Amino acid sequence: MEALILVLAKALVDHPDDVRVEVVEYENETTYELFVHSDDVGKVIGKHGKIAKALRTVITSASAKHSKRVNLDIIA
């Protein structure tokens, strides 16, 4: 899942070397924290959050076979 998030995020930003993902595990939930350069936050979020929503949809769909809930947090 981390690799999927990295590939998608690096394709969107101007500073792909600054993109990293950290995983925070809870009992029934996994949170992926996406760190990007401060100049690229708007590109990852998109107008009215459309790109962020699409990223979250792809991640949720990819994790459908697991019984854990998945979240994506975008951090500058």
N, C-alpha and C. Protein backbone atom coordinates (compact mmCIF):
# COMPACT_ATOMS: atom_id res chain seq x y z
N MET A 1 0.82 -1.19 0.00
CA MET A 1 0.00 0.00 0.00
C MET A 1 0.87 1.26 0.00
N GLU A 2 1.97 1.22 0.76
CA GLU A 2 2.86 2.38 0.81
C GLU A 2 3.42 2.69 -0.58
N ALA A 3 3.78 1.65 -1.31
CA ALA A 3 4.33 1.85 -2.64
C ALA A 3 3.31 2.49 -3.58
N LEU A 4 2.07 2.08 -3.47
CA LEU A 4 1.00 2.65 -4.29
C LEU A 4 0.85 4.14 -4.00
N ILE A 5 0.84 4.51 -2.72
CA ILE A 5 0.70 5.91 -2.35
C ILE A 5 1.90 6.71 -2.85
N LEU A 6 3.10 6.15 -2.71
CA LEU A 6 4.30 6.86 -3.18
C LEU A 6 4.27 7.10 -4.67
N VAL A 7 3.90 6.10 -5.44
CA VAL A 7 3.87 6.23 -6.89
C VAL A 7 2.85 7.30 -7.31
N LEU A 8 1.69 7.27 -6.72
CA LEU A 8 0.66 8.24 -7.07
C LEU A 8 1.06 9.66 -6.67
N ALA A 9 1.60 9.81 -5.48
CA ALA A 9 1.97 11.14 -4.99
C ALA A 9 3.16 11.73 -5.75
N LYS A 10 4.15 10.90 -6.05
CA LYS A 10 5.32 11.40 -6.78
C LYS A 10 4.97 11.85 -8.19
N ALA A 11 3.93 11.28 -8.77
CA ALA A 11 3.50 11.68 -10.11
C ALA A 11 2.82 13.05 -10.09
N LEU A 12 2.34 13.47 -8.94
CA LEU A 12 1.60 14.72 -8.83
C LEU A 12 2.45 15.93 -8.48
N VAL A 13 3.57 15.74 -7.83
CA VAL A 13 4.31 16.84 -7.22
C VAL A 13 5.52 17.29 -8.06
N ASP A 14 6.03 18.48 -7.70
CA ASP A 14 7.24 19.01 -8.34
C ASP A 14 8.51 18.58 -7.61
N HIS A 15 8.40 18.19 -6.37
CA HIS A 15 9.53 17.76 -5.55
C HIS A 15 9.34 16.30 -5.12
N PRO A 16 9.52 15.34 -6.04
CA PRO A 16 9.25 13.94 -5.70
C PRO A 16 10.21 13.36 -4.67
N ASP A 17 11.39 13.97 -4.50
CA ASP A 17 12.34 13.44 -3.52
C ASP A 17 11.89 13.71 -2.09
N ASP A 18 11.01 14.68 -1.91
CA ASP A 18 10.53 15.04 -0.57
C ASP A 18 9.29 14.25 -0.15
N VAL A 19 8.81 13.36 -1.00
CA VAL A 19 7.60 12.59 -0.69
C VAL A 19 7.99 11.36 0.12
N ARG A 20 7.28 11.17 1.23
CA ARG A 20 7.48 9.95 2.03
C ARG A 20 6.17 9.58 2.71
N VAL A 21 6.07 8.32 3.06
CA VAL A 21 4.86 7.80 3.70
C VAL A 21 5.25 7.11 5.00
N GLU A 22 4.52 7.43 6.05
CA GLU A 22 4.69 6.74 7.33
C GLU A 22 3.38 6.04 7.67
N VAL A 23 3.50 4.88 8.28
CA VAL A 23 2.33 4.07 8.61
C VAL A 23 2.12 4.08 10.12
N VAL A 24 0.89 4.36 10.53
CA VAL A 24 0.52 4.31 11.94
C VAL A 24 -0.57 3.25 12.07
N GLU A 25 -0.26 2.20 12.82
CA GLU A 25 -1.18 1.07 12.99
C GLU A 25 -1.96 1.19 14.29
N TYR A 26 -3.25 0.95 14.21
CA TYR A 26 -4.12 0.86 15.37
C TYR A 26 -4.76 -0.52 15.33
N GLU A 27 -5.64 -0.83 16.28
CA GLU A 27 -6.25 -2.15 16.36
C GLU A 27 -6.99 -2.52 15.08
N ASN A 28 -7.91 -1.68 14.66
CA ASN A 28 -8.71 -1.99 13.47
C ASN A 28 -8.61 -0.90 12.42
N GLU A 29 -7.52 -0.14 12.47
CA GLU A 29 -7.38 1.00 11.56
C GLU A 29 -5.90 1.23 11.23
N THR A 30 -5.63 1.56 9.98
CA THR A 30 -4.29 1.92 9.55
C THR A 30 -4.34 3.32 8.97
N THR A 31 -3.45 4.19 9.43
CA THR A 31 -3.38 5.54 8.91
C THR A 31 -2.06 5.71 8.18
N TYR A 32 -2.15 6.14 6.93
CA TYR A 32 -0.97 6.45 6.14
C TYR A 32 -0.79 7.95 6.14
N GLU A 33 0.36 8.41 6.61
CA GLU A 33 0.67 9.83 6.65
C GLU A 33 1.56 10.15 5.45
N LEU A 34 1.05 10.96 4.55
CA LEU A 34 1.76 11.34 3.34
C LEU A 34 2.42 12.69 3.57
N PHE A 35 3.73 12.71 3.57
CA PHE A 35 4.50 13.93 3.76
C PHE A 35 4.97 14.42 2.40
N VAL A 36 4.69 15.69 2.09
CA VAL A 36 5.11 16.30 0.83
C VAL A 36 5.75 17.65 1.13
N HIS A 37 6.47 18.18 0.15
CA HIS A 37 7.06 19.51 0.25
C HIS A 37 5.94 20.53 0.41
N SER A 38 6.20 21.59 1.17
CA SER A 38 5.14 22.58 1.44
C SER A 38 4.60 23.24 0.18
N ASP A 39 5.42 23.31 -0.88
CA ASP A 39 4.95 23.89 -2.14
C ASP A 39 4.01 22.96 -2.90
N ASP A 40 4.02 21.68 -2.57
CA ASP A 40 3.25 20.68 -3.31
C ASP A 40 1.94 20.27 -2.64
N VAL A 41 1.64 20.83 -1.49
CA VAL A 41 0.43 20.44 -0.76
C VAL A 41 -0.82 20.68 -1.61
N GLY A 42 -0.88 21.84 -2.25
CA GLY A 42 -2.04 22.16 -3.08
C GLY A 42 -2.21 21.22 -4.25
N LYS A 43 -1.12 20.72 -4.81
CA LYS A 43 -1.20 19.79 -5.93
C LYS A 43 -1.73 18.43 -5.50
N VAL A 44 -1.39 18.03 -4.28
CA VAL A 44 -1.85 16.74 -3.79
C VAL A 44 -3.31 16.83 -3.33
N ILE A 45 -3.71 17.97 -2.81
CA ILE A 45 -5.10 18.14 -2.37
C ILE A 45 -6.01 18.43 -3.55
N GLY A 46 -5.60 19.29 -4.46
CA GLY A 46 -6.41 19.62 -5.63
C GLY A 46 -7.51 20.62 -5.31
N LYS A 47 -8.19 21.08 -6.36
CA LYS A 47 -9.28 22.04 -6.17
C LYS A 47 -10.42 21.37 -5.43
N HIS A 48 -10.83 22.01 -4.35
CA HIS A 48 -11.92 21.52 -3.51
C HIS A 48 -11.67 20.10 -2.99
N GLY A 49 -10.39 19.68 -2.93
CA GLY A 49 -10.05 18.38 -2.37
C GLY A 49 -10.33 17.20 -3.29
N LYS A 50 -10.50 17.45 -4.58
CA LYS A 50 -10.86 16.36 -5.49
C LYS A 50 -9.75 15.33 -5.64
N ILE A 51 -8.49 15.76 -5.73
CA ILE A 51 -7.39 14.80 -5.89
C ILE A 51 -7.20 14.00 -4.61
N ALA A 52 -7.28 14.67 -3.46
CA ALA A 52 -7.16 13.97 -2.18
C ALA A 52 -8.26 12.94 -2.03
N LYS A 53 -9.47 13.29 -2.42
CA LYS A 53 -10.59 12.35 -2.34
C LYS A 53 -10.36 11.16 -3.26
N ALA A 54 -9.82 11.42 -4.45
CA ALA A 54 -9.53 10.33 -5.39
C ALA A 54 -8.44 9.41 -4.84
N LEU A 55 -7.41 9.99 -4.23
CA LEU A 55 -6.36 9.17 -3.62
C LEU A 55 -6.93 8.29 -2.51
N ARG A 56 -7.79 8.87 -1.70
CA ARG A 56 -8.40 8.09 -0.62
C ARG A 56 -9.30 6.98 -1.16
N THR A 57 -9.99 7.25 -2.25
CA THR A 57 -10.84 6.22 -2.87
C THR A 57 -10.01 5.06 -3.39
N VAL A 58 -8.90 5.37 -4.05
CA VAL A 58 -8.03 4.31 -4.58
C VAL A 58 -7.45 3.48 -3.45
N ILE A 59 -7.02 4.13 -2.40
CA ILE A 59 -6.43 3.41 -1.26
C ILE A 59 -7.48 2.54 -0.57
N THR A 60 -8.67 3.07 -0.40
CA THR A 60 -9.76 2.29 0.22
C THR A 60 -10.11 1.09 -0.64
N SER A 61 -10.15 1.28 -1.95
CA SER A 61 -10.46 0.16 -2.86
C SER A 61 -9.36 -0.89 -2.85
N ALA A 62 -8.12 -0.45 -2.79
CA ALA A 62 -7.00 -1.39 -2.79
C ALA A 62 -6.94 -2.19 -1.50
N SER A 63 -7.47 -1.65 -0.42
CA SER A 63 -7.43 -2.35 0.86
C SER A 63 -8.73 -3.07 1.18
N ALA A 64 -9.60 -3.24 0.22
CA ALA A 64 -10.92 -3.84 0.44
C ALA A 64 -10.84 -5.27 0.96
N LYS A 65 -9.80 -6.01 0.60
CA LYS A 65 -9.73 -7.40 1.04
C LYS A 65 -9.21 -7.55 2.48
N HIS A 66 -8.75 -6.45 3.06
CA HIS A 66 -8.34 -6.47 4.47
C HIS A 66 -9.51 -6.00 5.32
N SER A 67 -9.52 -6.43 6.54
CA SER A 67 -10.65 -6.06 7.40
C SER A 67 -10.40 -4.78 8.20
N LYS A 68 -9.30 -4.09 7.89
CA LYS A 68 -8.97 -2.85 8.59
C LYS A 68 -9.47 -1.63 7.81
N ARG A 69 -9.79 -0.60 8.56
CA ARG A 69 -10.14 0.67 7.96
C ARG A 69 -8.85 1.41 7.61
N VAL A 70 -8.84 2.13 6.50
CA VAL A 70 -7.64 2.82 6.03
C VAL A 70 -7.91 4.31 5.91
N ASN A 71 -6.96 5.12 6.42
CA ASN A 71 -7.06 6.57 6.32
C ASN A 71 -5.80 7.12 5.66
N LEU A 72 -5.92 8.27 5.02
CA LEU A 72 -4.78 8.97 4.42
C LEU A 72 -4.76 10.38 4.95
N ASP A 73 -3.66 10.76 5.59
CA ASP A 73 -3.47 12.12 6.06
C ASP A 73 -2.37 12.76 5.23
N ILE A 74 -2.61 13.97 4.73
CA ILE A 74 -1.62 14.70 3.94
C ILE A 74 -0.99 15.75 4.83
N ILE A 75 0.33 15.69 4.96
CA ILE A 75 1.06 16.56 5.88
C ILE A 75 2.16 17.28 5.12
N ALA A 76 2.27 18.59 5.37
CA ALA A 76 3.33 19.37 4.72
C ALA A 76 4.55 19.40 5.60
